[in-house]
Protein backbone atom coordinates (compact mmCIF):
# COMPACT_ATOMS: atom_id res chain seq x y z
CA MET A 1 124.04 124.63 109.05
CA GLN A 2 121.43 126.97 109.85
CA ALA A 3 120.29 127.34 113.83
CA VAL A 4 118.39 129.43 115.43
CA LEU A 5 117.00 130.10 118.84
CA LEU A 6 112.93 129.36 118.99
CA SER A 7 111.52 132.48 120.96
CA ASP A 8 107.92 131.07 120.31
CA ARG A 9 108.87 127.23 122.73
CA GLY A 10 108.74 127.08 126.06
CA VAL A 11 110.47 123.78 128.44
CA VAL A 12 107.88 121.97 130.87
CA LYS A 13 109.98 119.61 133.34
CA VAL A 14 108.23 116.49 134.22
CA ASP A 15 110.57 115.18 137.33
CA GLY A 16 110.58 112.16 139.82
CA ASP A 17 110.62 108.60 140.38
CA ASP A 18 106.73 107.83 138.76
CA ALA A 19 107.77 110.63 135.97
CA ARG A 20 107.85 107.25 133.10
CA LYS A 21 104.75 105.88 134.10
CA PHE A 22 102.82 108.96 134.80
CA LEU A 23 103.27 110.68 131.35
CA ASN A 24 102.56 107.23 129.21
CA GLY A 25 99.18 107.25 130.70
CA LEU A 26 98.10 110.55 129.71
CA ILE A 27 99.92 111.37 126.50
CA THR A 28 99.65 110.06 122.86
CA ALA A 29 103.08 108.68 122.87
CA ASP A 30 104.44 105.28 123.64
CA MET A 31 107.28 106.57 126.24
CA GLY A 32 108.72 103.01 126.40
CA ALA A 33 110.24 104.73 123.00
CA VAL A 34 111.50 107.41 124.88
CA THR A 35 115.25 107.11 125.66
CA SER A 36 118.25 110.03 125.87
CA THR A 37 118.77 109.50 122.71
CA GLN A 38 115.47 109.48 121.27
CA ALA A 39 112.97 112.06 121.56
CA ARG A 40 108.59 111.44 120.66
CA TYR A 41 106.39 113.82 119.26
CA ALA A 42 102.80 113.48 121.61
CA ALA A 43 100.05 115.57 122.78
CA LEU A 44 97.83 115.57 126.03
CA LEU A 45 94.48 115.28 125.17
CA THR A 46 90.55 116.70 126.43
CA PRO A 47 88.78 113.50 127.69
CA GLN A 48 87.56 114.93 124.32
CA GLY A 49 90.39 114.20 122.17
CA LYS A 50 91.23 117.88 121.40
CA ILE A 51 94.50 119.00 121.87
CA ILE A 52 95.48 120.75 125.02
CA ALA A 53 99.15 121.25 123.60
CA ASP A 54 101.44 119.19 121.51
CA PHE A 55 105.53 118.87 122.31
CA MET A 56 108.47 116.49 121.76
CA VAL A 57 109.25 114.47 125.20
CA ALA A 58 113.28 114.28 125.46
CA GLU A 59 114.54 112.21 128.41
CA ALA A 60 117.86 114.44 130.13
CA ALA A 61 120.37 112.44 131.26
CA ASP A 62 119.59 112.62 134.71
CA GLY A 63 116.41 110.80 133.89
CA ARG A 64 114.21 113.99 133.86
CA PHE A 65 111.74 114.47 131.18
CA LEU A 66 111.73 117.55 129.22
CA LEU A 67 108.74 118.72 126.66
CA ASP A 68 109.57 120.92 124.20
CA CYS A 69 106.19 122.56 123.52
CA ALA A 70 104.80 126.45 121.94
CA ARG A 71 106.06 128.63 124.58
CA PRO A 72 102.02 130.46 125.38
CA ALA A 73 101.16 127.12 125.53
CA ALA A 74 103.83 125.70 128.27
CA THR A 75 102.04 127.21 131.88
CA VAL A 76 98.61 125.79 130.25
CA LEU A 77 100.44 122.89 129.72
CA ALA A 78 102.37 122.08 133.12
CA GLU A 79 99.01 123.07 134.57
CA ARG A 80 96.95 120.25 133.78
CA LEU A 81 99.84 117.77 134.53
CA SER A 82 99.82 119.00 137.71
CA PHE A 83 95.95 118.49 137.73
CA TYR A 84 96.67 114.55 137.00
CA LYS A 85 99.16 113.51 139.49
CA LEU A 86 97.33 112.41 142.19
CA ARG A 87 99.94 110.38 144.38
CA ALA A 88 102.27 110.14 141.84
CA LYS A 89 106.01 111.07 143.05
CA VAL A 90 106.16 113.47 140.29
CA THR A 91 107.15 117.17 140.27
CA VAL A 92 106.26 118.90 137.66
CA GLU A 93 107.85 122.43 135.97
CA ASP A 94 107.29 125.60 133.36
CA ILE A 95 111.74 126.45 133.36
CA SER A 96 110.70 128.28 129.84
CA GLY A 97 112.89 131.04 131.96
CA THR A 98 115.40 128.91 132.07
CA LEU A 99 115.89 126.27 128.68
CA GLY A 100 115.36 127.72 125.29
CA VAL A 101 115.09 125.35 121.87
CA LEU A 102 117.86 125.68 119.59
CA ALA A 103 116.67 124.38 115.94
CA VAL A 104 119.60 123.18 113.61
CA TRP A 105 119.34 122.01 110.42
CA GLY A 106 121.24 121.31 106.66
CA GLY A 107 123.78 119.49 108.77
CA ASP A 108 124.52 116.36 110.64
CA ARG A 109 126.57 117.53 113.53
CA ALA A 110 125.38 118.48 116.71
CA PRO A 111 126.60 121.00 118.91
CA ALA A 112 127.85 120.26 122.29
CA GLN A 113 126.29 122.75 124.70
CA GLY A 114 122.63 121.12 125.47
CA HIS A 115 120.68 117.96 125.58
CA CYS A 116 120.51 117.79 122.07
CA TYR A 117 117.89 114.82 119.61
CA ARG A 118 116.62 114.36 116.48
CA ASP A 119 112.73 116.28 115.75
CA PRO A 120 111.18 112.98 116.42
CA ARG A 121 108.33 114.33 113.41
CA LEU A 122 110.60 114.51 110.26
CA GLU A 123 113.91 114.29 109.80
CA ALA A 124 114.11 117.00 107.56
CA LEU A 125 113.54 119.17 110.40
CA GLY A 126 116.49 118.90 112.05
CA LEU A 127 118.05 118.64 115.34
CA ARG A 128 116.60 120.34 118.55
CA CYS A 129 118.71 121.28 121.59
CA LEU A 130 117.34 122.38 124.96
CA LEU A 131 120.20 124.42 126.68
CA PRO A 132 120.29 127.99 128.53
CA PRO A 133 119.54 130.39 126.28
CA VAL A 134 122.96 132.76 126.87
CA GLN A 135 125.11 129.32 125.49
CA ALA A 136 123.02 129.76 121.98
CA GLY A 137 125.81 131.76 120.43
CA GLU A 138 128.27 129.80 121.34
CA ALA A 139 126.58 126.44 120.66
CA ALA A 140 126.15 128.01 117.08
CA ALA A 141 129.27 129.31 116.51
CA GLY A 142 130.62 125.71 117.28
CA LEU A 143 128.99 124.73 114.76
CA GLY A 144 130.44 127.15 111.93
CA ALA A 145 126.61 128.23 112.06
CA VAL A 146 125.37 132.08 111.67
CA LEU A 147 122.16 132.16 114.62
CA ALA A 148 119.50 133.35 112.22
CA ASP A 149 116.08 134.95 113.34
CA THR A 150 112.92 132.86 114.04
CA ALA A 151 111.63 133.31 110.79
CA ASP A 152 114.39 131.64 108.70
CA TYR A 153 113.68 128.50 110.38
CA GLU A 154 109.43 129.31 110.19
CA ALA A 155 110.28 129.32 106.85
CA HIS A 156 111.88 126.23 106.98
CA ARG A 157 108.91 124.40 108.86
CA ILE A 158 106.61 125.69 106.34
CA ALA A 159 108.12 124.44 103.50
CA LEU A 160 108.12 120.83 104.73
CA GLY A 161 104.40 121.65 105.30
CA VAL A 162 104.85 120.98 109.20
CA PRO A 163 101.76 121.83 110.87
CA SER A 164 102.07 124.52 114.40
CA GLY A 165 100.24 124.15 117.46
CA GLY A 166 98.83 127.98 117.71
CA ALA A 167 99.94 129.13 113.94
CA ASP A 168 98.10 126.29 112.12
CA PHE A 169 95.20 125.41 114.28
CA ARG A 170 94.06 126.02 117.69
CA TYR A 171 94.43 124.23 121.18
CA GLY A 172 91.48 123.00 122.20
CA ASP A 173 89.75 123.22 118.83
CA ALA A 174 91.53 120.59 117.07
CA PHE A 175 91.80 116.73 117.07
CA PRO A 176 95.78 114.95 116.56
CA HIS A 177 94.23 113.73 113.02
CA GLU A 178 93.48 117.27 111.97
CA ALA A 179 96.44 118.92 112.96
CA ASP A 180 98.45 115.44 111.16
CA MET A 181 100.26 114.46 114.18
CA ASP A 182 99.22 111.31 113.31
CA GLN A 183 100.61 111.39 109.79
CA LEU A 184 103.84 112.85 111.50
CA ARG A 185 103.82 109.61 114.13
CA GLY A 186 102.88 111.89 116.95
CA VAL A 187 99.74 109.18 118.21
CA ASP A 188 100.97 105.33 119.36
CA PHE A 189 98.05 103.69 118.52
CA ASP A 190 99.03 100.65 120.29
CA LYS A 191 100.42 101.99 123.46
CA GLY A 192 97.69 101.27 125.69
CA CYS A 193 95.19 104.28 127.26
CA PHE A 194 95.74 107.90 127.44
CA VAL A 195 93.55 110.76 127.95
CA GLY A 196 91.15 111.02 125.30
CA GLN A 197 91.98 107.74 123.49
CA GLU A 198 88.63 106.89 122.81
CA VAL A 199 87.91 108.97 120.21
CA VAL A 200 91.16 109.10 118.66
CA SER A 201 91.42 105.34 117.90
CA ARG A 202 87.81 105.88 116.72
CA MET A 203 88.67 108.27 113.93
CA GLU A 204 92.01 106.00 113.21
CA HIS A 205 90.04 102.87 112.45
CA ARG A 206 86.90 104.80 110.87
CA GLY A 207 88.23 106.86 108.56
CA ILE A 208 86.56 110.38 109.15
CA ALA A 209 89.25 112.86 110.18
CA ARG A 210 87.37 115.40 106.82
CA THR A 211 89.33 118.09 108.07
CA ARG A 212 93.26 118.39 107.39
CA ILE A 213 96.37 121.05 107.41
CA VAL A 214 97.32 120.59 104.11
CA PRO A 215 100.47 122.23 102.08
CA LEU A 216 99.92 124.93 99.17
CA ALA A 217 102.27 126.96 97.31
CA TYR A 218 101.03 130.62 96.35
CA THR A 219 102.67 133.52 94.10
CA GLY A 220 102.97 137.00 95.60
CA THR A 221 102.16 138.51 99.32
CA ALA A 222 101.37 135.74 101.42
CA PRO A 223 97.98 135.36 102.39
CA GLN A 224 96.72 135.90 106.04
CA ALA A 225 96.16 133.87 108.86
CA GLY A 226 92.91 133.51 109.11
CA ALA A 227 91.60 133.94 105.64
CA PRO A 228 88.74 131.89 104.05
CA ILE A 229 89.91 129.56 101.23
CA MET A 230 87.57 130.01 98.52
CA ALA A 231 86.19 127.73 95.50
CA GLY A 232 84.28 129.88 93.04
CA ASP A 233 81.87 131.64 96.10
CA LYS A 234 82.64 128.62 98.26
CA SER A 235 84.48 128.13 101.71
CA VAL A 236 86.61 125.47 102.09
CA GLY A 237 89.12 126.01 104.77
CA ALA A 238 91.48 128.72 106.15
CA MET A 239 95.02 129.64 105.63
CA GLY A 240 97.39 129.52 108.75
CA SER A 241 101.19 130.42 108.40
CA ALA A 242 102.91 131.15 104.85
CA ALA A 243 106.26 131.84 103.63
CA ALA A 244 108.06 132.30 101.37
CA GLY A 245 105.67 130.85 98.33
CA ARG A 246 104.42 128.47 100.60
CA GLY A 247 102.11 127.59 103.11
CA LEU A 248 99.32 125.29 105.30
CA ALA A 249 95.49 125.71 105.57
CA THR A 250 92.75 123.55 107.30
CA VAL A 251 90.65 122.61 104.58
CA ARG A 252 87.51 120.07 103.90
CA ILE A 253 88.88 117.24 102.40
CA ASP A 254 85.31 116.35 100.51
CA ARG A 255 84.82 120.00 99.97
CA VAL A 256 88.04 120.43 98.22
CA ASP A 257 87.63 117.68 96.35
CA GLU A 258 84.31 118.58 94.95
CA ALA A 259 85.74 121.69 94.03
CA LEU A 260 88.47 120.06 91.70
CA ALA A 261 86.30 117.94 90.41
CA ALA A 262 84.36 120.50 89.41
CA GLY A 263 87.26 122.48 87.60
CA LEU A 264 87.63 125.36 90.19
CA ALA A 265 90.38 127.27 91.29
CA LEU A 266 91.07 128.03 94.58
CA ASP A 267 92.81 131.08 96.64
CA ALA A 268 93.05 132.65 100.08
CA ASP A 269 92.92 136.19 100.03
CA GLY A 270 92.31 136.58 96.46
CA THR A 271 96.02 134.88 95.79
CA PRO A 272 95.71 131.55 93.73
CA ILE A 273 96.87 129.05 95.54
CA GLU A 274 97.33 125.13 95.34
CA LEU A 275 97.68 122.60 97.67
CA ILE A 276 100.96 120.59 97.37
CA LYS A 277 101.59 117.25 98.69
CA PRO A 278 104.62 115.94 100.83
CA ASN A 279 106.02 112.54 100.61
CA TRP A 280 104.53 112.31 104.26
CA ILE A 281 101.63 112.39 103.88
CA ARG A 282 99.38 108.41 103.91
CA PHE A 283 96.07 110.31 104.02
CA ALA A 284 94.44 110.65 100.32
CA PHE A 285 94.93 114.06 99.60
CA PRO A 286 92.66 116.88 97.96
CA GLY A 287 91.71 115.88 94.04
CA GLU A 288 93.49 112.10 94.42
CA LYS A 289 91.33 108.99 93.77
CA ALA A 290 90.61 107.53 97.10
CA ALA A 291 92.15 104.34 97.45
CA GLU A 292 89.93 100.85 97.04
CA PRO A 293 89.60 99.46 100.04
């Protein structure tokens, strides 16, 4: 097993009698499905449907809800949620200085410390445990695992093709479909209203998401984040994160389709790349023939 204290993750606490109802009316997940043993992947969106922050939402044993998010986004997320409080009986607090996020994968055992849940995006991502950072070493030792570096988890995530907010898409600039949240169970299209729902539902039902994050493979030096993905002399996308021969890129599906149909190879920073389709992607992948209606 491997365990990593994720230094780039923060935690926002939402507590109070109205906490579940409050969150359910705002975020993309169905809070009715969140229990003490079952987390959900979700986002808070702008009214225009862009991602303010994506996160895992878990219910602690005492009924509080803990939002595991990118640490740079924690303050903004707490502020935006507080903006919607009005008269709801809730408190919202960024507790990133108190709780950290431990990722554990490569086995089925959970540490005795902290509040642990299976990553709701993909089973292969493993477990996540919310606990005081000083307990991380003890938690890892209890599993017989050495506490590794954040880079080890990043390589694991990237190899699975799972995007990360702030690294593979910019907050305030991407729709959930563009960040593959619809593929990773991050949007419940049957739950009822949430902020930005109209735009996101329209993209889902009309199938109009032309831009997607897709996994790729490369050989040699990793292309720099932000490097254009080129097909001949035309840019068809941009690199995101990369590690150990695998990476992620935001691409225009239609432009990549045209390039591949024309026999053009793709590269980034002069490094040849090949798009790789993981088994969890359900949309028509670049180079595939669109499904018949």
